[in-house]
């Protein structure tokens, strides 16, 4: 089965979100991509010292592209309206930054109205500033909040009447529509012990990024073993891998880092993933492109290289 291939929509302040999302979505589907993806960034703190740093790393600066990020579900809805076939993925959405019922309904509506194309890539988040601004639960309860959303979504997406009750939210038996057009696949980010246990127990699969290909393959095998131990069919655990591309120029083979270099060089790393059981990858090339026209050209070159290599 060919490797599914996706690409990130233009979402940052480097692009004109009033026109570029629609233009690129149409072009990507015409090129032949299988999926379109978005990420979530709520804000950028002015104070990036100490725990306010990128990924919670003390004093790590946030990239300029995060200064203005298009709202992910609105961006996907725009893409859905002008496409017919491509799947619509979030990589990643942070459920703890929203109330679980409203997010479950929004994803169900998007899936219903797009004809069953949503892939829910989810994570618990890492920014204490985003939690302070938006989250119903504190940062220290982010894992609990993610599990709470998964519980709520299972109820809301299931048959009516829907019932739910925990220490914070209650749905008395009610009709909650629209329902998703299909069972929405849930891919969970993270690499810590708790995140991996959650994937093995509850996820359709894993959504890693920034992990070397060989390590992804090894971790995926471990996740499938963990799923079997949890009483699941290990074949149910899939993997969608995000490829971050900074530059598409050819680089020397000696010392080349994973996913660095030309489209042809990227294929070498994608082949390792495909051979190791990864079934779907998506490329974020927005930072390697100066505008939407170059993004379309770069995306076409990547797609041609991947398919030309037989992946």
Protein backbone atom coordinates (compact mmCIF):
# COMPACT_ATOMS: atom_id res chain seq x y z
CA UNK A 1 0.00 0.00 0.00
CA UNK A 2 1.49 3.39 -0.96
CA UNK A 3 2.61 5.71 1.80
CA UNK A 4 -0.07 8.32 2.46
CA UNK A 5 1.40 11.76 1.89
CA UNK A 6 0.14 15.01 3.36
CA UNK A 7 1.22 18.63 3.53
CA UNK A 8 0.71 21.50 5.97
CA UNK A 9 -1.57 24.36 5.00
CA UNK A 10 -0.17 27.92 5.10
CA UNK A 11 -1.18 29.24 8.50
CA UNK A 12 1.46 31.70 9.65
CA UNK A 13 1.88 35.45 9.32
CA UNK A 14 4.20 34.85 6.34
CA UNK A 15 1.10 34.09 4.25
CA UNK A 16 -2.12 35.88 3.33
CA UNK A 17 -4.69 33.75 5.11
CA UNK A 18 -7.57 35.42 3.27
CA UNK A 19 -6.49 33.86 -0.03
CA UNK A 20 -3.54 31.48 0.40
CA UNK A 21 -5.31 28.75 2.37
CA UNK A 22 -7.90 28.24 -0.36
CA UNK A 23 -5.39 28.56 -3.20
CA UNK A 24 -2.99 26.08 -1.66
CA UNK A 25 -5.67 23.57 -0.62
CA UNK A 26 -6.96 23.37 -4.18
CA UNK A 27 -3.45 23.04 -5.58
CA UNK A 28 -2.41 20.33 -3.09
CA UNK A 29 -5.42 18.18 -3.94
CA UNK A 30 -4.73 18.63 -7.64
CA UNK A 31 -1.07 17.65 -7.15
CA UNK A 32 -2.30 14.43 -5.58
CA UNK A 33 -1.72 14.87 -1.85
CA UNK A 34 -3.73 12.64 0.46
CA UNK A 35 -4.13 15.03 3.39
CA UNK A 36 -3.93 18.66 4.52
CA UNK A 37 -2.78 19.61 8.02
CA UNK A 38 -2.87 22.46 10.51
CA UNK A 39 -1.26 23.15 13.88
CA UNK A 40 -2.38 25.15 16.90
CA UNK A 41 -0.78 28.23 18.45
CA UNK A 42 -2.96 30.41 20.65
CA UNK A 43 -0.53 33.20 21.51
CA UNK A 44 3.13 34.14 21.82
CA UNK A 45 4.28 35.49 25.20
CA UNK A 46 6.37 38.64 25.20
CA UNK A 47 8.25 37.32 28.22
CA UNK A 48 9.99 34.17 27.01
CA UNK A 49 12.26 33.75 30.01
CA UNK A 50 12.37 30.72 32.28
CA UNK A 51 9.33 28.44 31.92
CA UNK A 52 7.82 30.73 29.28
CA UNK A 53 10.34 29.52 26.70
CA UNK A 54 9.58 27.46 23.61
CA UNK A 55 8.45 23.92 24.54
CA UNK A 56 8.84 24.99 28.17
CA UNK A 57 12.63 25.02 27.75
CA UNK A 58 14.01 27.81 29.94
CA UNK A 59 14.68 30.97 27.91
CA UNK A 60 14.25 29.22 24.52
CA UNK A 61 12.96 31.82 22.02
CA UNK A 62 9.72 31.24 20.13
CA UNK A 63 10.00 31.35 16.30
CA UNK A 64 8.70 34.45 14.54
CA UNK A 65 6.22 32.37 12.50
CA UNK A 66 4.19 31.76 15.66
CA UNK A 67 3.49 35.49 15.99
CA UNK A 68 0.24 35.08 14.07
CA UNK A 69 -1.27 31.64 13.49
CA UNK A 70 -4.54 30.97 11.72
CA UNK A 71 -7.16 29.27 13.88
CA UNK A 72 -6.80 25.56 13.05
CA UNK A 73 -10.40 24.40 12.70
CA UNK A 74 -11.42 27.51 10.77
CA UNK A 75 -8.44 26.97 8.47
CA UNK A 76 -9.45 23.34 7.90
CA UNK A 77 -13.04 24.39 7.23
CA UNK A 78 -11.82 26.78 4.53
CA UNK A 79 -9.81 23.96 2.95
CA UNK A 80 -12.70 21.52 3.25
CA UNK A 81 -14.99 23.88 1.36
CA UNK A 82 -12.79 23.89 -1.76
CA UNK A 83 -11.65 20.24 -1.79
CA UNK A 84 -13.41 16.91 -2.20
CA UNK A 85 -10.99 14.10 -1.47
CA UNK A 86 -8.10 15.05 0.84
CA UNK A 87 -8.25 14.20 4.53
CA UNK A 88 -8.13 17.08 7.02
CA UNK A 89 -5.68 16.65 9.91
CA UNK A 90 -4.72 18.55 13.05
CA UNK A 91 -1.07 18.25 14.01
CA UNK A 92 -1.58 18.96 16.75
CA UNK A 93 -4.69 20.35 18.37
CA UNK A 94 -4.56 20.87 22.15
CA UNK A 95 -7.93 19.81 23.61
CA UNK A 96 -7.15 21.08 27.14
CA UNK A 97 -7.26 24.66 25.78
CA UNK A 98 -11.00 24.26 25.07
CA UNK A 99 -14.04 22.90 26.83
CA UNK A 100 -14.31 19.24 25.85
CA UNK A 101 -17.97 19.27 24.77
CA UNK A 102 -17.57 22.20 22.39
CA UNK A 103 -14.43 20.75 20.79
CA UNK A 104 -16.05 17.32 20.38
CA UNK A 105 -19.03 18.97 18.65
CA UNK A 106 -16.79 21.09 16.40
CA UNK A 107 -14.78 18.08 15.22
CA UNK A 108 -17.95 16.07 14.68
CA UNK A 109 -19.47 18.89 12.62
CA UNK A 110 -16.33 19.31 10.51
CA UNK A 111 -16.18 15.57 9.85
CA UNK A 112 -19.88 15.40 9.04
CA UNK A 113 -19.85 18.39 6.71
CA UNK A 114 -16.64 17.35 4.94
CA UNK A 115 -17.92 13.84 4.27
CA UNK A 116 -15.78 11.98 6.80
CA UNK A 117 -12.32 13.44 6.21
CA UNK A 118 -11.12 14.55 9.67
CA UNK A 119 -8.01 13.12 11.36
CA UNK A 120 -7.74 14.32 14.96
CA UNK A 121 -4.09 14.73 15.91
CA UNK A 122 -4.09 15.71 19.57
CA UNK A 123 -1.63 16.62 22.30
CA UNK A 124 -1.59 17.92 25.85
CA UNK A 125 0.38 21.08 25.01
CA UNK A 126 3.48 22.59 26.52
CA UNK A 127 2.92 26.36 26.95
CA UNK A 128 2.02 27.55 30.44
CA UNK A 129 1.04 30.91 28.93
CA UNK A 130 -1.53 29.31 26.63
CA UNK A 131 -2.92 27.38 29.58
CA UNK A 132 -3.17 30.52 31.71
CA UNK A 133 -5.05 32.28 28.91
CA UNK A 134 -7.46 29.61 27.75
CA UNK A 135 -7.52 26.29 29.61
CA UNK A 136 -10.40 25.22 31.89
CA UNK A 137 -7.94 23.12 33.89
CA UNK A 138 -4.45 24.16 35.07
CA UNK A 139 -1.27 23.12 33.28
CA UNK A 140 -0.54 20.56 36.00
CA UNK A 141 -3.71 18.69 34.99
CA UNK A 142 -3.02 18.63 31.25
CA UNK A 143 -2.95 14.83 31.05
CA UNK A 144 -6.21 14.58 32.98
CA UNK A 145 -7.73 17.20 30.66
CA UNK A 146 -6.71 15.27 27.53
CA UNK A 147 -8.20 12.05 28.90
CA UNK A 148 -11.32 13.99 29.84
CA UNK A 149 -11.69 15.15 26.24
CA UNK A 150 -11.25 11.60 24.93
CA UNK A 151 -13.97 10.42 27.30
CA UNK A 152 -16.30 13.26 26.30
CA UNK A 153 -15.67 12.77 22.58
CA UNK A 154 -16.39 9.04 22.85
CA UNK A 155 -19.76 9.88 24.33
CA UNK A 156 -20.65 12.79 22.04
CA UNK A 157 -19.62 10.96 18.86
CA UNK A 158 -21.51 7.83 19.91
CA UNK A 159 -25.19 7.02 19.54
CA UNK A 160 -27.93 9.21 20.97
CA UNK A 161 -29.06 9.72 23.61
CA UNK A 162 -25.68 10.91 24.89
CA UNK A 163 -24.95 10.77 28.61
CA UNK A 164 -21.80 11.89 30.43
CA UNK A 165 -20.91 12.71 34.00
CA UNK A 166 -17.59 13.33 35.72
CA UNK A 167 -16.36 15.70 38.42
CA UNK A 168 -16.68 18.73 36.12
CA UNK A 169 -19.14 18.19 33.25
CA UNK A 170 -22.53 16.52 32.95
CA UNK A 171 -24.69 15.69 29.95
CA UNK A 172 -28.12 14.51 30.94
CA UNK A 173 -29.49 12.14 28.30
CA UNK A 174 -29.62 14.31 25.18
CA UNK A 175 -29.58 14.31 21.40
CA UNK A 176 -26.22 15.68 20.21
CA UNK A 177 -25.90 16.12 16.46
CA UNK A 178 -24.44 16.15 13.88
CA UNK A 179 -22.50 12.93 14.33
CA UNK A 180 -19.17 12.31 12.58
CA UNK A 181 -19.52 10.73 9.16
CA UNK A 182 -17.05 8.06 10.22
CA UNK A 183 -15.19 7.02 13.34
CA UNK A 184 -12.72 9.90 13.62
CA UNK A 185 -9.14 8.58 13.82
CA UNK A 186 -7.30 9.90 16.89
CA UNK A 187 -3.52 10.24 16.73
CA UNK A 188 -1.78 11.30 19.91
CA UNK A 189 1.49 13.19 20.19
CA UNK A 190 4.12 12.80 22.88
CA UNK A 191 6.93 10.45 23.77
CA UNK A 192 6.85 10.27 27.56
CA UNK A 193 5.71 7.15 29.43
CA UNK A 194 2.21 8.49 30.17
CA UNK A 195 1.72 9.63 26.56
CA UNK A 196 2.82 6.26 25.18
CA UNK A 197 0.52 4.37 27.55
CA UNK A 198 -2.37 6.57 26.42
CA UNK A 199 -1.61 5.87 22.76
CA UNK A 200 -1.41 2.12 23.37
CA UNK A 201 -4.72 2.10 25.26
CA UNK A 202 -6.79 4.70 23.45
CA UNK A 203 -5.30 6.00 20.22
CA UNK A 204 -5.61 5.09 16.59
CA UNK A 205 -1.90 5.76 16.59
CA UNK A 206 1.08 7.97 17.28
CA UNK A 207 1.86 11.42 15.84
CA UNK A 208 5.57 12.14 16.38
CA UNK A 209 7.76 14.91 15.02
CA UNK A 210 11.44 15.69 15.31
CA UNK A 211 12.30 12.06 16.06
CA UNK A 212 14.95 10.31 13.90
CA UNK A 213 13.45 7.72 11.54
CA UNK A 214 15.16 4.71 13.14
CA UNK A 215 13.93 5.79 16.57
CA UNK A 216 10.37 6.19 15.25
CA UNK A 217 10.44 2.65 13.88
CA UNK A 218 11.70 1.24 17.18
CA UNK A 219 9.16 3.21 19.22
CA UNK A 220 6.31 2.17 16.95
CA UNK A 221 7.21 -1.48 17.47
CA UNK A 222 7.21 -0.91 21.24
CA UNK A 223 3.82 0.83 21.07
CA UNK A 224 2.36 -2.17 19.26
CA UNK A 225 3.71 -4.46 21.97
CA UNK A 226 2.14 -2.19 24.61
CA UNK A 227 -1.18 -2.28 22.76
CA UNK A 228 -1.11 -6.08 22.74
CA UNK A 229 -0.45 -6.08 26.48
CA UNK A 230 -3.49 -3.80 26.88
CA UNK A 231 -5.64 -6.34 25.05
CA UNK A 232 -5.71 -4.58 21.69
CA UNK A 233 -4.77 -5.85 18.25
CA UNK A 234 -1.28 -4.36 17.73
CA UNK A 235 -2.05 -3.91 14.03
CA UNK A 236 -4.56 -1.24 15.07
CA UNK A 237 -1.72 1.10 16.09
CA UNK A 238 -0.64 3.28 13.19
CA UNK A 239 1.69 6.26 12.89
CA UNK A 240 1.46 9.64 11.18
CA UNK A 241 4.83 11.37 11.08
CA UNK A 242 5.33 15.12 10.64
CA UNK A 243 8.35 16.13 8.56
CA UNK A 244 9.57 19.66 9.31
CA UNK A 245 11.43 21.16 6.35
CA UNK A 246 13.53 24.31 6.79
CA UNK A 247 15.27 24.32 3.41
CA UNK A 248 14.97 22.18 0.30
CA UNK A 249 18.47 22.79 -1.02
CA UNK A 250 20.72 19.79 -1.66
CA UNK A 251 23.20 19.11 1.17
CA UNK A 252 26.32 16.89 1.35
CA UNK A 253 25.46 13.27 2.07
CA UNK A 254 28.15 12.98 4.75
CA UNK A 255 26.78 14.15 8.07
CA UNK A 256 23.32 14.94 6.68
CA UNK A 257 20.70 15.22 9.40
CA UNK A 258 17.36 13.43 8.98
CA UNK A 259 14.97 15.25 6.65
CA UNK A 260 17.57 17.80 5.61
CA UNK A 261 18.22 18.48 1.95
CA UNK A 262 16.46 18.21 -1.37
CA UNK A 263 13.18 16.38 -2.05
CA UNK A 264 15.22 13.44 -3.37
CA UNK A 265 17.20 13.32 -0.11
CA UNK A 266 14.01 13.50 1.97
CA UNK A 267 12.86 10.33 0.23
CA UNK A 268 15.75 8.39 1.79
CA UNK A 269 14.39 9.10 5.28
CA UNK A 270 10.76 8.54 4.27
CA UNK A 271 11.75 5.11 2.93
CA UNK A 272 13.07 4.14 6.39
CA UNK A 273 9.75 5.17 7.95
CA UNK A 274 7.67 3.32 5.34
CA UNK A 275 9.72 0.13 5.68
CA UNK A 276 9.34 0.34 9.46
CA UNK A 277 5.55 0.43 9.40
CA UNK A 278 4.72 4.16 9.26
CA UNK A 279 1.72 4.47 6.95
CA UNK A 280 1.25 8.24 6.67
CA UNK A 281 3.59 11.26 6.69
CA UNK A 282 2.94 14.92 6.17
CA UNK A 283 5.43 17.61 5.25
CA UNK A 284 5.53 21.11 6.68
CA UNK A 285 7.33 23.16 4.03
CA UNK A 286 5.85 26.56 4.83
CA UNK A 287 9.08 27.82 6.40
CA UNK A 288 11.09 26.70 3.36
CA UNK A 289 8.92 28.75 1.00
CA UNK A 290 8.78 32.53 0.58
CA UNK A 291 5.15 32.69 -0.59
CA UNK A 292 2.23 30.49 -1.58
CA UNK A 293 3.41 30.06 -5.16
CA UNK A 294 6.78 28.75 -4.03
CA UNK A 295 5.01 26.57 -1.46
CA UNK A 296 2.94 25.02 -4.25
CA UNK A 297 6.07 24.45 -6.36
CA UNK A 298 7.99 22.93 -3.44
CA UNK A 299 5.06 20.70 -2.52
CA UNK A 300 4.80 19.49 -6.13
CA UNK A 301 8.52 18.67 -6.17
CA UNK A 302 8.27 16.72 -2.90
CA UNK A 303 5.22 14.77 -4.10
CA UNK A 304 6.94 13.93 -7.41
CA UNK A 305 10.09 12.73 -5.63
CA UNK A 306 8.16 10.53 -3.19
CA UNK A 307 5.89 8.95 -5.77
CA UNK A 308 8.72 8.67 -8.28
CA UNK A 309 10.62 6.58 -5.73
CA UNK A 310 7.73 4.16 -5.51
CA UNK A 311 6.68 5.10 -1.97
